[in-house]
């Protein structure tokens, strides 16, 4: 199923994601969304994984069912 919505950006730069889309992707208040952009397109997707220490979404490593980013992993090695 394809969902198409047209939304106006408010003065604070926010947009509203429709209830139908939030329900379809099980997006709840407090969930993290990953926003990527290139020269032509903005993509928003639900971020399932983030570093347990700093909440980073970049360069994650799985360690005993927890996600740790490469930067935090390096810091842990120094302890």
C-alpha atoms as a PDB file:
ATOM      1  CA  UNK A   1       0.000   0.000   0.000  1.00  0.00           C
ATOM      2  CA  UNK A   2       1.279   3.470  -0.863  1.00  0.00           C
ATOM      3  CA  UNK A   3       0.418   6.434   1.343  1.00  0.00           C
ATOM      4  CA  UNK A   4       0.568   9.934  -0.088  1.00  0.00           C
ATOM      5  CA  UNK A   5       0.065  13.003   2.055  1.00  0.00           C
ATOM      6  CA  UNK A   6       0.584  16.679   1.385  1.00  0.00           C
ATOM      7  CA  UNK A   7       1.549  18.619   4.480  1.00  0.00           C
ATOM      8  CA  UNK A   8       2.503  22.222   5.030  1.00  0.00           C
ATOM      9  CA  UNK A   9       5.610  22.931   7.086  1.00  0.00           C
ATOM     10  CA  UNK A  10       4.785  25.151  10.075  1.00  0.00           C
ATOM     11  CA  UNK A  11       6.805  28.189  11.195  1.00  0.00           C
ATOM     12  CA  UNK A  12       8.969  25.980  13.449  1.00  0.00           C
ATOM     13  CA  UNK A  13       9.863  23.710  10.481  1.00  0.00           C
ATOM     14  CA  UNK A  14       7.675  20.808  11.595  1.00  0.00           C
ATOM     15  CA  UNK A  15       5.432  18.500   9.615  1.00  0.00           C
ATOM     16  CA  UNK A  16       2.714  16.154  10.836  1.00  0.00           C
ATOM     17  CA  UNK A  17       2.825  12.474   9.915  1.00  0.00           C
ATOM     18  CA  UNK A  18      -0.713  11.218   9.440  1.00  0.00           C
ATOM     19  CA  UNK A  19      -2.278   8.781  11.870  1.00  0.00           C
ATOM     20  CA  UNK A  20      -2.649   6.169   9.105  1.00  0.00           C
ATOM     21  CA  UNK A  21       1.083   6.226   8.367  1.00  0.00           C
ATOM     22  CA  UNK A  22       2.039   6.221  12.058  1.00  0.00           C
ATOM     23  CA  UNK A  23      -0.239   3.247  12.664  1.00  0.00           C
ATOM     24  CA  UNK A  24       1.068   1.353   9.601  1.00  0.00           C
ATOM     25  CA  UNK A  25       4.710   1.753  10.716  1.00  0.00           C
ATOM     26  CA  UNK A  26       3.937   1.475  14.445  1.00  0.00           C
ATOM     27  CA  UNK A  27       5.412   4.923  15.141  1.00  0.00           C
ATOM     28  CA  UNK A  28       4.751   6.055  18.697  1.00  0.00           C
ATOM     29  CA  UNK A  29       5.496   9.294  20.543  1.00  0.00           C
ATOM     30  CA  UNK A  30       9.161   9.221  21.554  1.00  0.00           C
ATOM     31  CA  UNK A  31      10.272   6.957  18.698  1.00  0.00           C
ATOM     32  CA  UNK A  32      13.361   8.053  16.769  1.00  0.00           C
ATOM     33  CA  UNK A  33      13.060   8.714  13.042  1.00  0.00           C
ATOM     34  CA  UNK A  34      16.077   8.742  10.754  1.00  0.00           C
ATOM     35  CA  UNK A  35      16.029  11.554   8.172  1.00  0.00           C
ATOM     36  CA  UNK A  36      18.297  11.318   5.136  1.00  0.00           C
ATOM     37  CA  UNK A  37      18.591  13.804   2.294  1.00  0.00           C
ATOM     38  CA  UNK A  38      20.381  13.992  -1.017  1.00  0.00           C
ATOM     39  CA  UNK A  39      20.172  16.519  -3.843  1.00  0.00           C
ATOM     40  CA  UNK A  40      16.676  15.447  -4.858  1.00  0.00           C
ATOM     41  CA  UNK A  41      14.987  13.526  -2.066  1.00  0.00           C
ATOM     42  CA  UNK A  42      14.266  13.526   1.672  1.00  0.00           C
ATOM     43  CA  UNK A  43      13.669  10.098   3.216  1.00  0.00           C
ATOM     44  CA  UNK A  44      12.199   9.514   6.660  1.00  0.00           C
ATOM     45  CA  UNK A  45      12.306   6.051   8.191  1.00  0.00           C
ATOM     46  CA  UNK A  46      11.777   4.630  11.632  1.00  0.00           C
ATOM     47  CA  UNK A  47      15.124   4.095  13.323  1.00  0.00           C
ATOM     48  CA  UNK A  48      15.073   0.786  15.126  1.00  0.00           C
ATOM     49  CA  UNK A  49      18.609   0.873  16.436  1.00  0.00           C
ATOM     50  CA  UNK A  50      20.581   3.459  18.366  1.00  0.00           C
ATOM     51  CA  UNK A  51      23.616   3.430  20.616  1.00  0.00           C
ATOM     52  CA  UNK A  52      22.720   2.567  24.217  1.00  0.00           C
ATOM     53  CA  UNK A  53      25.190   5.179  25.474  1.00  0.00           C
ATOM     54  CA  UNK A  54      24.828   8.242  23.220  1.00  0.00           C
ATOM     55  CA  UNK A  55      21.743   7.467  21.061  1.00  0.00           C
ATOM     56  CA  UNK A  56      23.770   7.793  17.861  1.00  0.00           C
ATOM     57  CA  UNK A  57      22.359   6.085  14.788  1.00  0.00           C
ATOM     58  CA  UNK A  58      25.688   5.933  12.949  1.00  0.00           C
ATOM     59  CA  UNK A  59      28.110   2.996  12.618  1.00  0.00           C
ATOM     60  CA  UNK A  60      26.386   0.661  15.084  1.00  0.00           C
ATOM     61  CA  UNK A  61      27.809  -2.640  16.295  1.00  0.00           C
ATOM     62  CA  UNK A  62      25.648  -5.337  17.876  1.00  0.00           C
ATOM     63  CA  UNK A  63      27.012  -6.489  21.252  1.00  0.00           C
ATOM     64  CA  UNK A  64      24.941  -9.035  23.199  1.00  0.00           C
ATOM     65  CA  UNK A  65      21.684  -7.731  21.668  1.00  0.00           C
ATOM     66  CA  UNK A  66      22.594  -4.100  22.405  1.00  0.00           C
ATOM     67  CA  UNK A  67      23.754  -1.517  19.883  1.00  0.00           C
ATOM     68  CA  UNK A  68      26.928   0.473  20.461  1.00  0.00           C
ATOM     69  CA  UNK A  69      28.288   3.066  18.036  1.00  0.00           C
ATOM     70  CA  UNK A  70      31.907   2.863  16.907  1.00  0.00           C
ATOM     71  CA  UNK A  71      32.853   6.011  18.878  1.00  0.00           C
ATOM     72  CA  UNK A  72      31.517   4.655  22.182  1.00  0.00           C
ATOM     73  CA  UNK A  73      33.072   1.278  21.470  1.00  0.00           C
ATOM     74  CA  UNK A  74      36.474   2.959  21.136  1.00  0.00           C
ATOM     75  CA  UNK A  75      35.926   4.794  24.437  1.00  0.00           C
ATOM     76  CA  UNK A  76      35.076   1.490  26.133  1.00  0.00           C
ATOM     77  CA  UNK A  77      38.319  -0.033  24.909  1.00  0.00           C
ATOM     78  CA  UNK A  78      40.228   2.683  26.804  1.00  0.00           C
ATOM     79  CA  UNK A  79      38.613   1.798  30.150  1.00  0.00           C
END
